[in-house]
PDB file of N, CA and C in Angstrom:
ATOM      1  N   UNK A   1       0.854  -1.227  -0.148  1.00  0.00           N
ATOM      2  CA  UNK A   1      -0.074   0.064  -0.104  1.00  0.00           C
ATOM      3  C   UNK A   1       0.884   1.062  -0.127  1.00  0.00           C
ATOM      4  N   UNK A   2       0.432   2.132  -0.842  1.00  0.00           N
ATOM      5  CA  UNK A   2       1.335   3.415  -0.949  1.00  0.00           C
ATOM      6  C   UNK A   2       0.387   4.516  -0.159  1.00  0.00           C
ATOM      7  N   UNK A   3       0.636   5.081   0.753  1.00  0.00           N
ATOM      8  CA  UNK A   3      -0.105   6.124   1.405  1.00  0.00           C
ATOM      9  C   UNK A   3      -0.468   7.344   0.381  1.00  0.00           C
ATOM     10  N   UNK A   4      -1.473   7.935   0.575  1.00  0.00           N
ATOM     11  CA  UNK A   4      -1.917   8.951  -0.378  1.00  0.00           C
ATOM     12  C   UNK A   4      -1.277  10.210  -0.264  1.00  0.00           C
ATOM     13  N   UNK A   5      -0.324  10.507   0.687  1.00  0.00           N
ATOM     14  CA  UNK A   5       0.403  11.517   0.969  1.00  0.00           C
ATOM     15  C   UNK A   5       1.751  11.453   0.548  1.00  0.00           C
ATOM     16  N   UNK A   6       2.290  10.493  -0.400  1.00  0.00           N
ATOM     17  CA  UNK A   6       3.323  10.213  -0.856  1.00  0.00           C
ATOM     18  C   UNK A   6       3.701  11.010  -1.888  1.00  0.00           C
ATOM     19  N   UNK A   7       4.908  11.742  -2.021  1.00  0.00           N
ATOM     20  CA  UNK A   7       5.236  12.453  -3.199  1.00  0.00           C
ATOM     21  C   UNK A   7       6.147  11.704  -3.988  1.00  0.00           C
ATOM     22  N   UNK A   8       5.888  11.466  -5.092  1.00  0.00           N
ATOM     23  CA  UNK A   8       6.977  11.088  -6.391  1.00  0.00           C
ATOM     24  C   UNK A   8       7.156  12.063  -7.546  1.00  0.00           C
ATOM     25  N   UNK A   9       8.648  12.673  -7.252  1.00  0.00           N
ATOM     26  CA  UNK A   9       8.965  13.765  -7.996  1.00  0.00           C
ATOM     27  C   UNK A   9       9.568  13.590  -9.491  1.00  0.00           C
ATOM     28  N   UNK A  10       9.474  12.062  -9.778  1.00  0.00           N
ATOM     29  CA  UNK A  10      10.018  11.857 -11.138  1.00  0.00           C
ATOM     30  C   UNK A  10       9.183  10.804 -11.782  1.00  0.00           C
ATOM     31  N   UNK A  11       8.989  10.888 -13.043  1.00  0.00           N
ATOM     32  CA  UNK A  11       8.057  10.039 -13.899  1.00  0.00           C
ATOM     33  C   UNK A  11       8.762   8.760 -13.882  1.00  0.00           C
ATOM     34  N   UNK A  12      10.058   8.511 -13.949  1.00  0.00           N
ATOM     35  CA  UNK A  12      10.938   7.526 -14.049  1.00  0.00           C
ATOM     36  C   UNK A  12      11.147   6.512 -12.820  1.00  0.00           C
ATOM     37  N   UNK A  13      10.224   6.982 -11.792  1.00  0.00           N
ATOM     38  CA  UNK A  13      10.750   6.062 -10.699  1.00  0.00           C
ATOM     39  C   UNK A  13       9.966   4.837 -10.912  1.00  0.00           C
ATOM     40  N   UNK A  14      10.564   3.638 -10.319  1.00  0.00           N
ATOM     41  CA  UNK A  14       9.933   2.484 -10.409  1.00  0.00           C
ATOM     42  C   UNK A  14       9.545   1.952  -8.932  1.00  0.00           C
ATOM     43  N   UNK A  15       8.440   1.349  -8.903  1.00  0.00           N
ATOM     44  CA  UNK A  15       7.881   0.907  -7.548  1.00  0.00           C
ATOM     45  C   UNK A  15       7.355  -0.422  -8.039  1.00  0.00           C
ATOM     46  N   UNK A  16       7.998  -1.533  -7.578  1.00  0.00           N
ATOM     47  CA  UNK A  16       7.474  -2.943  -7.842  1.00  0.00           C
ATOM     48  C   UNK A  16       6.402  -3.253  -6.888  1.00  0.00           C
ATOM     49  N   UNK A  17       5.783  -4.154  -7.270  1.00  0.00           N
ATOM     50  CA  UNK A  17       4.456  -4.973  -6.490  1.00  0.00           C
ATOM     51  C   UNK A  17       5.039  -5.088  -4.967  1.00  0.00           C
ATOM     52  N   UNK A  18       3.843  -5.287  -4.054  1.00  0.00           N
ATOM     53  CA  UNK A  18       4.139  -5.711  -2.766  1.00  0.00           C
ATOM     54  C   UNK A  18       4.933  -4.841  -2.024  1.00  0.00           C
ATOM     55  N   UNK A  19       4.904  -3.459  -2.079  1.00  0.00           N
ATOM     56  CA  UNK A  19       5.605  -2.612  -1.444  1.00  0.00           C
ATOM     57  C   UNK A  19       4.606  -1.776  -0.412  1.00  0.00           C
ATOM     58  N   UNK A  20       5.119  -1.377   0.720  1.00  0.00           N
ATOM     59  CA  UNK A  20       4.436  -0.368   1.557  1.00  0.00           C
ATOM     60  C   UNK A  20       5.369   0.877   1.881  1.00  0.00           C
ATOM     61  N   UNK A  21       4.380   2.017   1.539  1.00  0.00           N
ATOM     62  CA  UNK A  21       5.227   3.214   1.725  1.00  0.00           C
ATOM     63  C   UNK A  21       4.523   4.137   2.562  1.00  0.00           C
ATOM     64  N   UNK A  22       4.669   4.505   3.637  1.00  0.00           N
ATOM     65  CA  UNK A  22       4.184   5.263   4.842  1.00  0.00           C
ATOM     66  C   UNK A  22       4.026   6.858   4.472  1.00  0.00           C
ATOM     67  N   UNK A  23       3.087   7.465   5.245  1.00  0.00           N
ATOM     68  CA  UNK A  23       2.699   8.891   4.789  1.00  0.00           C
ATOM     69  C   UNK A  23       3.929   9.873   4.915  1.00  0.00           C
ATOM     70  N   UNK A  24       3.673  10.868   4.127  1.00  0.00           N
ATOM     71  CA  UNK A  24       4.639  12.021   3.893  1.00  0.00           C
ATOM     72  C   UNK A  24       6.011  11.714   3.639  1.00  0.00           C
ATOM     73  N   UNK A  25       6.149  10.434   2.668  1.00  0.00           N
ATOM     74  CA  UNK A  25       7.441  10.128   2.080  1.00  0.00           C
ATOM     75  C   UNK A  25       7.658  10.700   0.850  1.00  0.00           C
ATOM     76  N   UNK A  26       8.936  11.273   0.627  1.00  0.00           N
ATOM     77  CA  UNK A  26       9.040  11.685  -0.780  1.00  0.00           C
ATOM     78  C   UNK A  26      10.161  10.793  -1.602  1.00  0.00           C
ATOM     79  N   UNK A  27       9.748  10.353  -2.470  1.00  0.00           N
ATOM     80  CA  UNK A  27      10.494   9.580  -3.556  1.00  0.00           C
ATOM     81  C   UNK A  27      11.312  10.386  -4.645  1.00  0.00           C
ATOM     82  N   UNK A  28      12.761  10.429  -4.486  1.00  0.00           N
ATOM     83  CA  UNK A  28      13.545  11.220  -5.451  1.00  0.00           C
ATOM     84  C   UNK A  28      13.490  10.605  -6.953  1.00  0.00           C
ATOM     85  N   UNK A  29      14.132  11.448  -7.778  1.00  0.00           N
ATOM     86  CA  UNK A  29      14.411  10.978  -9.399  1.00  0.00           C
ATOM     87  C   UNK A  29      15.069   9.663  -9.559  1.00  0.00           C
ATOM     88  N   UNK A  30      14.717   8.789 -10.394  1.00  0.00           N
ATOM     89  CA  UNK A  30      15.623   7.729 -10.662  1.00  0.00           C
ATOM     90  C   UNK A  30      15.540   6.396  -9.831  1.00  0.00           C
ATOM     91  N   UNK A  31      14.696   6.544  -8.766  1.00  0.00           N
ATOM     92  CA  UNK A  31      14.801   5.716  -7.504  1.00  0.00           C
ATOM     93  C   UNK A  31      13.846   4.377  -8.088  1.00  0.00           C
ATOM     94  N   UNK A  32      14.439   3.115  -7.440  1.00  0.00           N
ATOM     95  CA  UNK A  32      13.808   1.888  -7.714  1.00  0.00           C
ATOM     96  C   UNK A  32      13.519   1.357  -6.306  1.00  0.00           C
ATOM     97  N   UNK A  33      12.256   1.087  -6.055  1.00  0.00           N
ATOM     98  CA  UNK A  33      11.755   0.499  -4.828  1.00  0.00           C
ATOM     99  C   UNK A  33      11.426  -0.958  -5.137  1.00  0.00           C
ATOM    100  N   UNK A  34      12.287  -2.040  -4.470  1.00  0.00           N
ATOM    101  CA  UNK A  34      11.934  -3.499  -4.899  1.00  0.00           C
ATOM    102  C   UNK A  34      10.866  -3.951  -4.245  1.00  0.00           C
ATOM    103  N   UNK A  35      10.373  -5.123  -4.900  1.00  0.00           N
ATOM    104  CA  UNK A  35       9.112  -5.797  -4.057  1.00  0.00           C
ATOM    105  C   UNK A  35       9.692  -6.088  -2.681  1.00  0.00           C
ATOM    106  N   UNK A  36       8.390  -6.156  -1.745  1.00  0.00           N
ATOM    107  CA  UNK A  36       8.799  -6.513  -0.249  1.00  0.00           C
ATOM    108  C   UNK A  36       9.231  -5.390   0.653  1.00  0.00           C
ATOM    109  N   UNK A  37       9.569  -4.321  -0.087  1.00  0.00           N
ATOM    110  CA  UNK A  37      10.302  -2.948   0.610  1.00  0.00           C
ATOM    111  C   UNK A  37       9.284  -2.453   1.504  1.00  0.00           C
ATOM    112  N   UNK A  38       9.482  -2.019   2.776  1.00  0.00           N
ATOM    113  CA  UNK A  38       8.700  -1.282   3.637  1.00  0.00           C
ATOM    114  C   UNK A  38       9.431   0.009   3.985  1.00  0.00           C
ATOM    115  N   UNK A  39       8.750   1.056   3.794  1.00  0.00           N
ATOM    116  CA  UNK A  39       9.440   2.630   4.072  1.00  0.00           C
ATOM    117  C   UNK A  39       8.309   3.170   4.861  1.00  0.00           C
ATOM    118  N   UNK A  40       9.066   3.385   6.153  1.00  0.00           N
ATOM    119  CA  UNK A  40       8.171   4.098   7.209  1.00  0.00           C
ATOM    120  C   UNK A  40       7.839   5.541   6.720  1.00  0.00           C
ATOM    121  N   UNK A  41       7.033   6.095   7.425  1.00  0.00           N
ATOM    122  CA  UNK A  41       6.449   7.416   7.082  1.00  0.00           C
ATOM    123  C   UNK A  41       7.464   8.615   7.388  1.00  0.00           C
ATOM    124  N   UNK A  42       7.330   9.615   6.770  1.00  0.00           N
ATOM    125  CA  UNK A  42       8.427  10.977   6.859  1.00  0.00           C
ATOM    126  C   UNK A  42       9.754  10.423   6.412  1.00  0.00           C
ATOM    127  N   UNK A  43       9.970   9.761   5.428  1.00  0.00           N
ATOM    128  CA  UNK A  43      11.209   9.410   4.929  1.00  0.00           C
ATOM    129  C   UNK A  43      11.323  10.052   3.505  1.00  0.00           C
ATOM    130  N   UNK A  44      12.705  10.225   3.441  1.00  0.00           N
ATOM    131  CA  UNK A  44      13.110  10.920   1.920  1.00  0.00           C
ATOM    132  C   UNK A  44      13.815   9.699   1.258  1.00  0.00           C
ATOM    133  N   UNK A  45      13.652   9.161  -0.021  1.00  0.00           N
ATOM    134  CA  UNK A  45      14.424   8.150  -0.600  1.00  0.00           C
ATOM    135  C   UNK A  45      14.879   8.843  -1.985  1.00  0.00           C
ATOM    136  N   UNK A  46      16.421   8.564  -2.049  1.00  0.00           N
ATOM    137  CA  UNK A  46      16.937   9.285  -3.243  1.00  0.00           C
ATOM    138  C   UNK A  46      17.842   8.197  -3.886  1.00  0.00           C
ATOM    139  N   UNK A  47      17.891   8.611  -5.112  1.00  0.00           N
ATOM    140  CA  UNK A  47      19.004   7.561  -5.728  1.00  0.00           C
ATOM    141  C   UNK A  47      20.333   7.926  -5.574  1.00  0.00           C
ATOM    142  N   UNK A  48      21.277   6.605  -5.485  1.00  0.00           N
ATOM    143  CA  UNK A  48      22.384   6.841  -5.120  1.00  0.00           C
ATOM    144  C   UNK A  48      23.125   5.652  -5.979  1.00  0.00           C
ATOM    145  N   UNK A  49      24.103   5.983  -6.728  1.00  0.00           N
ATOM    146  CA  UNK A  49      24.877   4.991  -7.697  1.00  0.00           C
ATOM    147  C   UNK A  49      25.871   4.231  -6.805  1.00  0.00           C
ATOM    148  N   UNK A  50      25.859   2.783  -7.297  1.00  0.00           N
ATOM    149  CA  UNK A  50      26.892   2.018  -6.332  1.00  0.00           C
ATOM    150  C   UNK A  50      28.291   2.461  -6.783  1.00  0.00           C
ATOM    151  N   UNK A  51      29.075   2.425  -5.709  1.00  0.00           N
ATOM    152  CA  UNK A  51      30.585   2.892  -6.198  1.00  0.00           C
ATOM    153  C   UNK A  51      31.314   1.645  -5.493  1.00  0.00           C
TER     154      UNK A  51
END
């Protein structure tokens, strides 16, 4: 379930099935949220390249 207050700031964000995202979460550009992920409310998720 994705709470109705979640903000997704890029159309290229990928959110797979079976994901829980809490209220007031911001999902940044180029982010991929994998199946089974649980994000608590008031979080900021941003893309970071593996180094």
